[in-house]
Amino acid sequence: MPSFRPLGIATILFTICMAPAWAQMGTPARNSGLPDDQTQIDKEMAQKNQLVRQKKRFEDMKRDSQKLLELATQLKQYVDRTGENTLSLEVMRKAEEMEKLARRVKENMRGE
């Protein structure tokens, strides 16, 4: 009588070895159930929203850059008025405000 033990062991080993491969395969992509027109509309809306966000970000950068220029001009004027050995509290405040504004402009440029 032939023995089925090697076949059973081979089946178990094959199943154990293939389990990770089956898990990585994942599930097949399913249709979202939305009609093609709806997905097209969603894509167009997402593009419009992205354009609006980009425009707002550009306007913010433009406004902040203008403010940064004004602060730099004011800072230069304060430094020119003060003496060599004195440092005004107003100069420090302007420098800190410029630093914060410069960071915000940098973040906007990155798109964050």
PDB file of N, CA and C in Angstrom:
ATOM      1  N   MET A   1       0.822  -1.163   0.000  1.00  0.00           N
ATOM      2  CA  MET A   1       0.000   0.000   0.000  1.00  0.00           C
ATOM      3  C   MET A   1       0.884   1.250   0.000  1.00  0.00           C
ATOM      4  N   PRO A   2       0.599   2.176  -0.932  1.00  0.00           N
ATOM      5  CA  PRO A   2       1.436   3.375  -0.982  1.00  0.00           C
ATOM      6  C   PRO A   2       1.151   4.274   0.213  1.00  0.00           C
ATOM      7  N   SER A   3       2.160   4.968   0.639  1.00  0.00           N
ATOM      8  CA  SER A   3       2.035   5.848   1.791  1.00  0.00           C
ATOM      9  C   SER A   3       1.764   7.279   1.320  1.00  0.00           C
ATOM     10  N   PHE A   4       0.804   7.920   1.926  1.00  0.00           N
ATOM     11  CA  PHE A   4       0.445   9.296   1.581  1.00  0.00           C
ATOM     12  C   PHE A   4       1.111  10.296   2.506  1.00  0.00           C
ATOM     13  N   ARG A   5       1.922   9.824   3.397  1.00  0.00           N
ATOM     14  CA  ARG A   5       2.592  10.687   4.354  1.00  0.00           C
ATOM     15  C   ARG A   5       3.511  11.703   3.656  1.00  0.00           C
ATOM     16  N   PRO A   6       4.370  11.332   2.701  1.00  0.00           N
ATOM     17  CA  PRO A   6       5.220  12.333   2.038  1.00  0.00           C
ATOM     18  C   PRO A   6       4.399  13.381   1.293  1.00  0.00           C
ATOM     19  N   LEU A   7       3.279  12.974   0.702  1.00  0.00           N
ATOM     20  CA  LEU A   7       2.428  13.926  -0.012  1.00  0.00           C
ATOM     21  C   LEU A   7       1.796  14.919   0.960  1.00  0.00           C
ATOM     22  N   GLY A   8       1.399  14.453   2.098  1.00  0.00           N
ATOM     23  CA  GLY A   8       0.795  15.327   3.116  1.00  0.00           C
ATOM     24  C   GLY A   8       1.813  16.321   3.652  1.00  0.00           C
ATOM     25  N   ILE A   9       3.033  15.831   3.900  1.00  0.00           N
ATOM     26  CA  ILE A   9       4.092  16.698   4.403  1.00  0.00           C
ATOM     27  C   ILE A   9       4.448  17.755   3.342  1.00  0.00           C
ATOM     28  N   ALA A  10       4.515  17.310   2.082  1.00  0.00           N
ATOM     29  CA  ALA A  10       4.826  18.243   1.007  1.00  0.00           C
ATOM     30  C   ALA A  10       3.744  19.310   0.885  1.00  0.00           C
ATOM     31  N   THR A  11       2.495  18.933   1.043  1.00  0.00           N
ATOM     32  CA  THR A  11       1.384  19.886   0.972  1.00  0.00           C
ATOM     33  C   THR A  11       1.473  20.911   2.098  1.00  0.00           C
ATOM     34  N   ILE A  12       1.761  20.451   3.293  1.00  0.00           N
ATOM     35  CA  ILE A  12       1.884  21.349   4.452  1.00  0.00           C
ATOM     36  C   ILE A  12       3.059  22.315   4.256  1.00  0.00           C
ATOM     37  N   LEU A  13       4.191  21.802   3.805  1.00  0.00           N
ATOM     38  CA  LEU A  13       5.356  22.654   3.578  1.00  0.00           C
ATOM     39  C   LEU A  13       5.080  23.692   2.485  1.00  0.00           C
ATOM     40  N   PHE A  14       4.416  23.251   1.422  1.00  0.00           N
ATOM     41  CA  PHE A  14       4.081  24.169   0.339  1.00  0.00           C
ATOM     42  C   PHE A  14       3.166  25.281   0.842  1.00  0.00           C
ATOM     43  N   THR A  15       2.182  24.943   1.649  1.00  0.00           N
ATOM     44  CA  THR A  15       1.242  25.929   2.189  1.00  0.00           C
ATOM     45  C   THR A  15       1.966  26.924   3.093  1.00  0.00           C
ATOM     46  N   ILE A  16       2.862  26.424   3.928  1.00  0.00           N
ATOM     47  CA  ILE A  16       3.602  27.302   4.838  1.00  0.00           C
ATOM     48  C   ILE A  16       4.519  28.244   4.057  1.00  0.00           C
ATOM     49  N   CYS A  17       5.165  27.721   3.043  1.00  0.00           N
ATOM     50  CA  CYS A  17       6.081  28.550   2.258  1.00  0.00           C
ATOM     51  C   CYS A  17       5.356  29.574   1.400  1.00  0.00           C
ATOM     52  N   MET A  18       4.174  29.270   0.935  1.00  0.00           N
ATOM     53  CA  MET A  18       3.461  30.160   0.038  1.00  0.00           C
ATOM     54  C   MET A  18       2.591  31.180   0.768  1.00  0.00           C
ATOM     55  N   ALA A  19       2.337  31.003   2.041  1.00  0.00           N
ATOM     56  CA  ALA A  19       1.473  31.918   2.786  1.00  0.00           C
ATOM     57  C   ALA A  19       1.971  33.357   2.722  1.00  0.00           C
ATOM     58  N   PRO A  20       3.273  33.628   2.940  1.00  0.00           N
ATOM     59  CA  PRO A  20       3.723  35.020   2.825  1.00  0.00           C
ATOM     60  C   PRO A  20       3.536  35.595   1.419  1.00  0.00           C
ATOM     61  N   ALA A  21       3.730  34.788   0.405  1.00  0.00           N
ATOM     62  CA  ALA A  21       3.563  35.260  -0.967  1.00  0.00           C
ATOM     63  C   ALA A  21       2.099  35.598  -1.236  1.00  0.00           C
ATOM     64  N   TRP A  22       1.198  34.791  -0.755  1.00  0.00           N
ATOM     65  CA  TRP A  22      -0.223  35.068  -0.941  1.00  0.00           C
ATOM     66  C   TRP A  22      -0.632  36.338  -0.190  1.00  0.00           C
ATOM     67  N   ALA A  23      -0.064  36.543   0.983  1.00  0.00           N
ATOM     68  CA  ALA A  23      -0.396  37.727   1.769  1.00  0.00           C
ATOM     69  C   ALA A  23       0.076  39.000   1.073  1.00  0.00           C
ATOM     70  N   GLN A  24       1.205  38.940   0.387  1.00  0.00           N
ATOM     71  CA  GLN A  24       1.740  40.120  -0.285  1.00  0.00           C
ATOM     72  C   GLN A  24       0.967  40.459  -1.552  1.00  0.00           C
ATOM     73  N   MET A  25       0.302  39.474  -2.112  1.00  0.00           N
ATOM     74  CA  MET A  25      -0.442  39.719  -3.348  1.00  0.00           C
ATOM     75  C   MET A  25      -1.583  40.700  -3.112  1.00  0.00           C
ATOM     76  N   GLY A  26      -2.180  40.720  -1.941  1.00  0.00           N
ATOM     77  CA  GLY A  26      -3.262  41.650  -1.641  1.00  0.00           C
ATOM     78  C   GLY A  26      -4.536  41.263  -2.353  1.00  0.00           C
ATOM     79  N   THR A  27      -5.492  42.164  -2.246  1.00  0.00           N
ATOM     80  CA  THR A  27      -6.776  41.917  -2.885  1.00  0.00           C
ATOM     81  C   THR A  27      -6.815  42.658  -4.211  1.00  0.00           C
ATOM     82  N   PRO A  28      -7.533  42.149  -5.163  1.00  0.00           N
ATOM     83  CA  PRO A  28      -7.620  42.839  -6.451  1.00  0.00           C
ATOM     84  C   PRO A  28      -8.361  44.165  -6.291  1.00  0.00           C
ATOM     85  N   ALA A  29      -8.046  45.106  -7.145  1.00  0.00           N
ATOM     86  CA  ALA A  29      -8.683  46.418  -7.096  1.00  0.00           C
ATOM     87  C   ALA A  29     -10.165  46.270  -7.424  1.00  0.00           C
ATOM     88  N   ARG A  30     -10.955  46.967  -6.632  1.00  0.00           N
ATOM     89  CA  ARG A  30     -12.395  46.891  -6.840  1.00  0.00           C
ATOM     90  C   ARG A  30     -12.875  48.189  -7.463  1.00  0.00           C
ATOM     91  N   ASN A  31     -13.923  48.098  -8.187  1.00  0.00           N
ATOM     92  CA  ASN A  31     -14.536  49.290  -8.751  1.00  0.00           C
ATOM     93  C   ASN A  31     -15.187  50.054  -7.614  1.00  0.00           C
ATOM     94  N   SER A  32     -14.952  51.336  -7.546  1.00  0.00           N
ATOM     95  CA  SER A  32     -15.473  52.124  -6.437  1.00  0.00           C
ATOM     96  C   SER A  32     -16.993  52.252  -6.478  1.00  0.00           C
ATOM     97  N   GLY A  33     -17.574  51.865  -7.552  1.00  0.00           N
ATOM     98  CA  GLY A  33     -19.026  51.944  -7.654  1.00  0.00           C
ATOM     99  C   GLY A  33     -19.489  53.285  -8.189  1.00  0.00           C
ATOM    100  N   LEU A  34     -18.567  54.226  -8.354  1.00  0.00           N
ATOM    101  CA  LEU A  34     -18.933  55.533  -8.885  1.00  0.00           C
ATOM    102  C   LEU A  34     -18.883  55.501 -10.399  1.00  0.00           C
ATOM    103  N   PRO A  35     -19.773  56.188 -11.032  1.00  0.00           N
ATOM    104  CA  PRO A  35     -19.711  56.262 -12.490  1.00  0.00           C
ATOM    105  C   PRO A  35     -18.473  57.051 -12.915  1.00  0.00           C
ATOM    106  N   ASP A  36     -18.058  56.828 -14.149  1.00  0.00           N
ATOM    107  CA  ASP A  36     -16.866  57.508 -14.664  1.00  0.00           C
ATOM    108  C   ASP A  36     -17.021  59.025 -14.627  1.00  0.00           C
ATOM    109  N   ASP A  37     -18.234  59.525 -14.880  1.00  0.00           N
ATOM    110  CA  ASP A  37     -18.467  60.973 -14.849  1.00  0.00           C
ATOM    111  C   ASP A  37     -18.197  61.536 -13.459  1.00  0.00           C
ATOM    112  N   GLN A  38     -18.603  60.806 -12.437  1.00  0.00           N
ATOM    113  CA  GLN A  38     -18.415  61.279 -11.060  1.00  0.00           C
ATOM    114  C   GLN A  38     -16.931  61.325 -10.705  1.00  0.00           C
ATOM    115  N   THR A  39     -16.169  60.318 -11.094  1.00  0.00           N
ATOM    116  CA  THR A  39     -14.741  60.324 -10.790  1.00  0.00           C
ATOM    117  C   THR A  39     -14.047  61.453 -11.554  1.00  0.00           C
ATOM    118  N   GLN A  40     -14.484  61.739 -12.770  1.00  0.00           N
ATOM    119  CA  GLN A  40     -13.919  62.839 -13.547  1.00  0.00           C
ATOM    120  C   GLN A  40     -14.212  64.173 -12.863  1.00  0.00           C
ATOM    121  N   ILE A  41     -15.422  64.337 -12.379  1.00  0.00           N
ATOM    122  CA  ILE A  41     -15.800  65.561 -11.669  1.00  0.00           C
ATOM    123  C   ILE A  41     -14.965  65.719 -10.405  1.00  0.00           C
ATOM    124  N   ASP A  42     -14.765  64.618  -9.677  1.00  0.00           N
ATOM    125  CA  ASP A  42     -13.943  64.663  -8.466  1.00  0.00           C
ATOM    126  C   ASP A  42     -12.510  65.083  -8.783  1.00  0.00           C
ATOM    127  N   LYS A  43     -11.974  64.569  -9.878  1.00  0.00           N
ATOM    128  CA  LYS A  43     -10.608  64.935 -10.271  1.00  0.00           C
ATOM    129  C   LYS A  43     -10.522  66.415 -10.617  1.00  0.00           C
ATOM    130  N   GLU A  44     -11.517  66.907 -11.359  1.00  0.00           N
ATOM    131  CA  GLU A  44     -11.531  68.319 -11.736  1.00  0.00           C
ATOM    132  C   GLU A  44     -11.653  69.222 -10.512  1.00  0.00           C
ATOM    133  N   MET A  45     -12.488  68.822  -9.568  1.00  0.00           N
ATOM    134  CA  MET A  45     -12.655  69.600  -8.339  1.00  0.00           C
ATOM    135  C   MET A  45     -11.352  69.625  -7.542  1.00  0.00           C
ATOM    136  N   ALA A  46     -10.670  68.489  -7.476  1.00  0.00           N
ATOM    137  CA  ALA A  46      -9.397  68.421  -6.748  1.00  0.00           C
ATOM    138  C   ALA A  46      -8.363  69.324  -7.409  1.00  0.00           C
ATOM    139  N   GLN A  47      -8.338  69.351  -8.739  1.00  0.00           N
ATOM    140  CA  GLN A  47      -7.396  70.224  -9.454  1.00  0.00           C
ATOM    141  C   GLN A  47      -7.712  71.696  -9.198  1.00  0.00           C
ATOM    142  N   LYS A  48      -9.002  72.050  -9.216  1.00  0.00           N
ATOM    143  CA  LYS A  48      -9.394  73.434  -8.949  1.00  0.00           C
ATOM    144  C   LYS A  48      -9.020  73.838  -7.529  1.00  0.00           C
ATOM    145  N   ASN A  49      -9.261  72.945  -6.576  1.00  0.00           N
ATOM    146  CA  ASN A  49      -8.900  73.232  -5.187  1.00  0.00           C
ATOM    147  C   ASN A  49      -7.397  73.421  -5.042  1.00  0.00           C
ATOM    148  N   GLN A  50      -6.638  72.611  -5.736  1.00  0.00           N
ATOM    149  CA  GLN A  50      -5.184  72.726  -5.674  1.00  0.00           C
ATOM    150  C   GLN A  50      -4.735  74.069  -6.253  1.00  0.00           C
ATOM    151  N   LEU A  51      -5.331  74.488  -7.366  1.00  0.00           N
ATOM    152  CA  LEU A  51      -4.992  75.779  -7.958  1.00  0.00           C
ATOM    153  C   LEU A  51      -5.337  76.939  -7.023  1.00  0.00           C
ATOM    154  N   VAL A  52      -6.467  76.835  -6.341  1.00  0.00           N
ATOM    155  CA  VAL A  52      -6.864  77.879  -5.391  1.00  0.00           C
ATOM    156  C   VAL A  52      -5.863  77.948  -4.242  1.00  0.00           C
ATOM    157  N   ARG A  53      -5.459  76.782  -3.730  1.00  0.00           N
ATOM    158  CA  ARG A  53      -4.473  76.758  -2.633  1.00  0.00           C
ATOM    159  C   ARG A  53      -3.131  77.333  -3.083  1.00  0.00           C
ATOM    160  N   GLN A  54      -2.716  76.997  -4.306  1.00  0.00           N
ATOM    161  CA  GLN A  54      -1.451  77.532  -4.819  1.00  0.00           C
ATOM    162  C   GLN A  54      -1.515  79.043  -4.974  1.00  0.00           C
ATOM    163  N   LYS A  55      -2.633  79.546  -5.470  1.00  0.00           N
ATOM    164  CA  LYS A  55      -2.785  80.989  -5.644  1.00  0.00           C
ATOM    165  C   LYS A  55      -2.757  81.696  -4.297  1.00  0.00           C
ATOM    166  N   LYS A  56      -3.444  81.142  -3.303  1.00  0.00           N
ATOM    167  CA  LYS A  56      -3.454  81.735  -1.967  1.00  0.00           C
ATOM    168  C   LYS A  56      -2.046  81.717  -1.369  1.00  0.00           C
ATOM    169  N   ARG A  57      -1.346  80.610  -1.540  1.00  0.00           N
ATOM    170  CA  ARG A  57       0.017  80.500  -1.015  1.00  0.00           C
ATOM    171  C   ARG A  57       0.923  81.539  -1.670  1.00  0.00           C
ATOM    172  N   PHE A  58       0.774  81.743  -2.983  1.00  0.00           N
ATOM    173  CA  PHE A  58       1.578  82.732  -3.691  1.00  0.00           C
ATOM    174  C   PHE A  58       1.265  84.142  -3.188  1.00  0.00           C
ATOM    175  N   GLU A  59      -0.020  84.446  -2.998  1.00  0.00           N
ATOM    176  CA  GLU A  59      -0.404  85.767  -2.495  1.00  0.00           C
ATOM    177  C   GLU A  59       0.148  85.982  -1.079  1.00  0.00           C
ATOM    178  N   ASP A  60       0.098  84.949  -0.245  1.00  0.00           N
ATOM    179  CA  ASP A  60       0.666  85.053   1.104  1.00  0.00           C
ATOM    180  C   ASP A  60       2.168  85.316   1.052  1.00  0.00           C
ATOM    181  N   MET A  61       2.866  84.611   0.165  1.00  0.00           N
ATOM    182  CA  MET A  61       4.312  84.818   0.031  1.00  0.00           C
ATOM    183  C   MET A  61       4.604  86.239  -0.429  1.00  0.00           C
ATOM    184  N   LYS A  62       3.825  86.713  -1.365  1.00  0.00           N
ATOM    185  CA  LYS A  62       4.016  88.056  -1.903  1.00  0.00           C
ATOM    186  C   LYS A  62       3.807  89.106  -0.801  1.00  0.00           C
ATOM    187  N   ARG A  63       2.726  88.968  -0.040  1.00  0.00           N
ATOM    188  CA  ARG A  63       2.420  89.889   1.049  1.00  0.00           C
ATOM    189  C   ARG A  63       3.501  89.850   2.124  1.00  0.00           C
ATOM    190  N   ASP A  64       3.889  88.640   2.523  1.00  0.00           N
ATOM    191  CA  ASP A  64       4.900  88.489   3.567  1.00  0.00           C
ATOM    192  C   ASP A  64       6.263  89.005   3.115  1.00  0.00           C
ATOM    193  N   SER A  65       6.588  88.818   1.859  1.00  0.00           N
ATOM    194  CA  SER A  65       7.867  89.317   1.331  1.00  0.00           C
ATOM    195  C   SER A  65       7.893  90.839   1.343  1.00  0.00           C
ATOM    196  N   GLN A  66       6.774  91.460   0.999  1.00  0.00           N
ATOM    197  CA  GLN A  66       6.685  92.923   1.041  1.00  0.00           C
ATOM    198  C   GLN A  66       6.863  93.420   2.471  1.00  0.00           C
ATOM    199  N   LYS A  67       6.204  92.767   3.398  1.00  0.00           N
ATOM    200  CA  LYS A  67       6.325  93.134   4.822  1.00  0.00           C
ATOM    201  C   LYS A  67       7.765  92.934   5.299  1.00  0.00           C
ATOM    202  N   LEU A  68       8.391  91.879   4.850  1.00  0.00           N
ATOM    203  CA  LEU A  68       9.776  91.606   5.221  1.00  0.00           C
ATOM    204  C   LEU A  68      10.699  92.713   4.708  1.00  0.00           C
ATOM    205  N   LEU A  69      10.463  93.186   3.511  1.00  0.00           N
ATOM    206  CA  LEU A  69      11.247  94.287   2.955  1.00  0.00           C
ATOM    207  C   LEU A  69      11.068  95.555   3.786  1.00  0.00           C
ATOM    208  N   GLU A  70       9.822  95.843   4.155  1.00  0.00           N
ATOM    209  CA  GLU A  70       9.559  97.020   4.984  1.00  0.00           C
ATOM    210  C   GLU A  70      10.269  96.919   6.329  1.00  0.00           C
ATOM    211  N   LEU A  71      10.198  95.753   6.953  1.00  0.00           N
ATOM    212  CA  LEU A  71      10.860  95.560   8.250  1.00  0.00           C
ATOM    213  C   LEU A  71      12.374  95.699   8.126  1.00  0.00           C
ATOM    214  N   ALA A  72      12.935  95.168   7.046  1.00  0.00           N
ATOM    215  CA  ALA A  72      14.379  95.273   6.848  1.00  0.00           C
ATOM    216  C   ALA A  72      14.788  96.736   6.685  1.00  0.00           C
ATOM    217  N   THR A  73      13.985  97.514   5.971  1.00  0.00           N
ATOM    218  CA  THR A  73      14.269  98.937   5.790  1.00  0.00           C
ATOM    219  C   THR A  73      14.190  99.671   7.130  1.00  0.00           C
ATOM    220  N   GLN A  74      13.146  99.368   7.910  1.00  0.00           N
ATOM    221  CA  GLN A  74      13.012  99.985   9.232  1.00  0.00           C
ATOM    222  C   GLN A  74      14.166  99.600  10.141  1.00  0.00           C
ATOM    223  N   LEU A  75      14.565  98.335  10.099  1.00  0.00           N
ATOM    224  CA  LEU A  75      15.668  97.870  10.928  1.00  0.00           C
ATOM    225  C   LEU A  75      16.950  98.613  10.567  1.00  0.00           C
ATOM    226  N   LYS A  76      17.188  98.788   9.289  1.00  0.00           N
ATOM    227  CA  LYS A  76      18.383  99.520   8.838  1.00  0.00           C
ATOM    228  C   LYS A  76      18.360 100.946   9.358  1.00  0.00           C
ATOM    229  N   GLN A  77      17.201 101.596   9.301  1.00  0.00           N
ATOM    230  CA  GLN A  77      17.081 102.964   9.794  1.00  0.00           C
ATOM    231  C   GLN A  77      17.345 103.037  11.300  1.00  0.00           C
ATOM    232  N   TYR A  78      16.805 102.089  12.080  1.00  0.00           N
ATOM    233  CA  TYR A  78      17.036 102.069  13.524  1.00  0.00           C
ATOM    234  C   TYR A  78      18.513 101.864  13.843  1.00  0.00           C
ATOM    235  N   VAL A  79      19.136 100.950  13.133  1.00  0.00           N
ATOM    236  CA  VAL A  79      20.553 100.675  13.375  1.00  0.00           C
ATOM    237  C   VAL A  79      21.400 101.898  13.017  1.00  0.00           C
ATOM    238  N   ASP A  80      21.052 102.587  11.945  1.00  0.00           N
ATOM    239  CA  ASP A  80      21.798 103.785  11.552  1.00  0.00           C
ATOM    240  C   ASP A  80      21.650 104.896  12.594  1.00  0.00           C
ATOM    241  N   ARG A  81      20.492 104.997  13.241  1.00  0.00           N
ATOM    242  CA  ARG A  81      20.253 106.037  14.243  1.00  0.00           C
ATOM    243  C   ARG A  81      20.940 105.751  15.568  1.00  0.00           C
ATOM    244  N   THR A  82      21.044 104.467  15.925  1.00  0.00           N
ATOM    245  CA  THR A  82      21.632 104.130  17.223  1.00  0.00           C
ATOM    246  C   THR A  82      23.141 104.231  17.160  1.00  0.00           C
ATOM    247  N   GLY A  83      23.732 104.364  18.336  1.00  0.00           N
ATOM    248  CA  GLY A  83      25.186 104.462  18.410  1.00  0.00           C
ATOM    249  C   GLY A  83      25.832 103.100  18.289  1.00  0.00           C
ATOM    250  N   GLU A  84      27.118 103.132  18.255  1.00  0.00           N
ATOM    251  CA  GLU A  84      27.907 101.913  18.085  1.00  0.00           C
ATOM    252  C   GLU A  84      27.812 100.977  19.283  1.00  0.00           C
ATOM    253  N   ASN A  85      27.663 101.552  20.486  1.00  0.00           N
ATOM    254  CA  ASN A  85      27.674 100.749  21.710  1.00  0.00           C
ATOM    255  C   ASN A  85      26.279 100.518  22.276  1.00  0.00           C
ATOM    256  N   THR A  86      25.235 100.950  21.603  1.00  0.00           N
ATOM    257  CA  THR A  86      23.881 100.768  22.123  1.00  0.00           C
ATOM    258  C   THR A  86      23.068  99.904  21.175  1.00  0.00           C
ATOM    259  N   LEU A  87      22.216  99.114  21.778  1.00  0.00           N
ATOM    260  CA  LEU A  87      21.328  98.264  20.998  1.00  0.00           C
ATOM    261  C   LEU A  87      19.921  98.465  21.533  1.00  0.00           C
ATOM    262  N   SER A  88      19.052  98.983  20.725  1.00  0.00           N
ATOM    263  CA  SER A  88      17.702  99.329  21.117  1.00  0.00           C
ATOM    264  C   SER A  88      16.833  98.077  21.231  1.00  0.00           C
ATOM    265  N   LEU A  89      15.875  98.158  22.167  1.00  0.00           N
ATOM    266  CA  LEU A  89      14.906  97.072  22.309  1.00  0.00           C
ATOM    267  C   LEU A  89      14.036  96.984  21.055  1.00  0.00           C
ATOM    268  N   GLU A  90      13.784  98.131  20.449  1.00  0.00           N
ATOM    269  CA  GLU A  90      12.998  98.168  19.219  1.00  0.00           C
ATOM    270  C   GLU A  90      13.713  97.422  18.088  1.00  0.00           C
ATOM    271  N   VAL A  91      15.039  97.544  18.030  1.00  0.00           N
ATOM    272  CA  VAL A  91      15.828  96.837  17.016  1.00  0.00           C
ATOM    273  C   VAL A  91      15.695  95.330  17.216  1.00  0.00           C
ATOM    274  N   MET A  92      15.741  94.891  18.435  1.00  0.00           N
ATOM    275  CA  MET A  92      15.604  93.457  18.725  1.00  0.00           C
ATOM    276  C   MET A  92      14.213  92.951  18.326  1.00  0.00           C
ATOM    277  N   ARG A  93      13.191  93.728  18.619  1.00  0.00           N
ATOM    278  CA  ARG A  93      11.827  93.326  18.253  1.00  0.00           C
ATOM    279  C   ARG A  93      11.668  93.217  16.733  1.00  0.00           C
ATOM    280  N   LYS A  94      12.207  94.195  16.028  1.00  0.00           N
ATOM    281  CA  LYS A  94      12.124  94.162  14.561  1.00  0.00           C
ATOM    282  C   LYS A  94      12.863  92.944  14.006  1.00  0.00           C
ATOM    283  N   ALA A  95      14.019  92.647  14.563  1.00  0.00           N
ATOM    284  CA  ALA A  95      14.799  91.500  14.095  1.00  0.00           C
ATOM    285  C   ALA A  95      14.042  90.189  14.349  1.00  0.00           C
ATOM    286  N   GLU A  96      13.409  90.075  15.517  1.00  0.00           N
ATOM    287  CA  GLU A  96      12.630  88.863  15.821  1.00  0.00           C
ATOM    288  C   GLU A  96      11.416  88.747  14.901  1.00  0.00           C
ATOM    289  N   GLU A  97      10.763  89.862  14.649  1.00  0.00           N
ATOM    290  CA  GLU A  97       9.604  89.838  13.749  1.00  0.00           C
ATOM    291  C   GLU A  97      10.027  89.445  12.342  1.00  0.00           C
ATOM    292  N   MET A  98      11.163  89.953  11.903  1.00  0.00           N
ATOM    293  CA  MET A  98      11.689  89.580  10.588  1.00  0.00           C
ATOM    294  C   MET A  98      12.000  88.093  10.522  1.00  0.00           C
ATOM    295  N   GLU A  99      12.572  87.567  11.584  1.00  0.00           N
ATOM    296  CA  GLU A  99      12.921  86.145  11.617  1.00  0.00           C
ATOM    297  C   GLU A  99      11.670  85.272  11.486  1.00  0.00           C
ATOM    298  N   LYS A 100      10.620  85.609  12.224  1.00  0.00           N
ATOM    299  CA  LYS A 100       9.369  84.847  12.148  1.00  0.00           C
ATOM    300  C   LYS A 100       8.765  84.926  10.741  1.00  0.00           C
ATOM    301  N   LEU A 101       8.780  86.126  10.196  1.00  0.00           N
ATOM    302  CA  LEU A 101       8.219  86.327   8.867  1.00  0.00           C
ATOM    303  C   LEU A 101       9.019  85.580   7.811  1.00  0.00           C
ATOM    304  N   ALA A 102      10.336  85.583   7.947  1.00  0.00           N
ATOM    305  CA  ALA A 102      11.191  84.864   6.990  1.00  0.00           C
ATOM    306  C   ALA A 102      10.928  83.362   7.060  1.00  0.00           C
ATOM    307  N   ARG A 103      10.715  82.847   8.239  1.00  0.00           N
ATOM    308  CA  ARG A 103      10.383  81.411   8.370  1.00  0.00           C
ATOM    309  C   ARG A 103       9.064  81.092   7.683  1.00  0.00           C
ATOM    310  N   ARG A 104       8.076  81.981   7.870  1.00  0.00           N
ATOM    311  CA  ARG A 104       6.771  81.749   7.256  1.00  0.00           C
ATOM    312  C   ARG A 104       6.879  81.776   5.731  1.00  0.00           C
ATOM    313  N   VAL A 105       7.662  82.700   5.200  1.00  0.00           N
ATOM    314  CA  VAL A 105       7.860  82.763   3.742  1.00  0.00           C
ATOM    315  C   VAL A 105       8.530  81.481   3.268  1.00  0.00           C
ATOM    316  N   LYS A 106       9.523  81.028   4.008  1.00  0.00           N
ATOM    317  CA  LYS A 106      10.229  79.800   3.642  1.00  0.00           C
ATOM    318  C   LYS A 106       9.296  78.595   3.629  1.00  0.00           C
ATOM    319  N   GLU A 107       8.436  78.498   4.640  1.00  0.00           N
ATOM    320  CA  GLU A 107       7.479  77.389   4.704  1.00  0.00           C
ATOM    321  C   GLU A 107       6.494  77.455   3.540  1.00  0.00           C
ATOM    322  N   ASN A 108       6.049  78.657   3.197  1.00  0.00           N
ATOM    323  CA  ASN A 108       5.140  78.808   2.048  1.00  0.00           C
ATOM    324  C   ASN A 108       5.800  78.403   0.753  1.00  0.00           C
ATOM    325  N   MET A 109       7.080  78.698   0.625  1.00  0.00           N
ATOM    326  CA  MET A 109       7.797  78.322  -0.597  1.00  0.00           C
ATOM    327  C   MET A 109       7.905  76.805  -0.723  1.00  0.00           C
ATOM    328  N   ARG A 110       8.052  76.164   0.400  1.00  0.00           N
ATOM    329  CA  ARG A 110       8.101  74.694   0.398  1.00  0.00           C
ATOM    330  C   ARG A 110       6.742  74.075   0.137  1.00  0.00           C
ATOM    331  N   GLY A 111       5.691  74.841   0.382  1.00  0.00           N
ATOM    332  CA  GLY A 111       4.346  74.323   0.155  1.00  0.00           C
ATOM    333  C   GLY A 111       3.774  73.636   1.357  1.00  0.00           C
ATOM    334  N   GLU A 112       4.233  73.965   2.525  1.00  0.00           N
ATOM    335  CA  GLU A 112       3.748  73.337   3.766  1.00  0.00           C
ATOM    336  C   GLU A 112       2.569  74.084   4.321  1.00  0.00           C
TER     337      GLU A 112
END
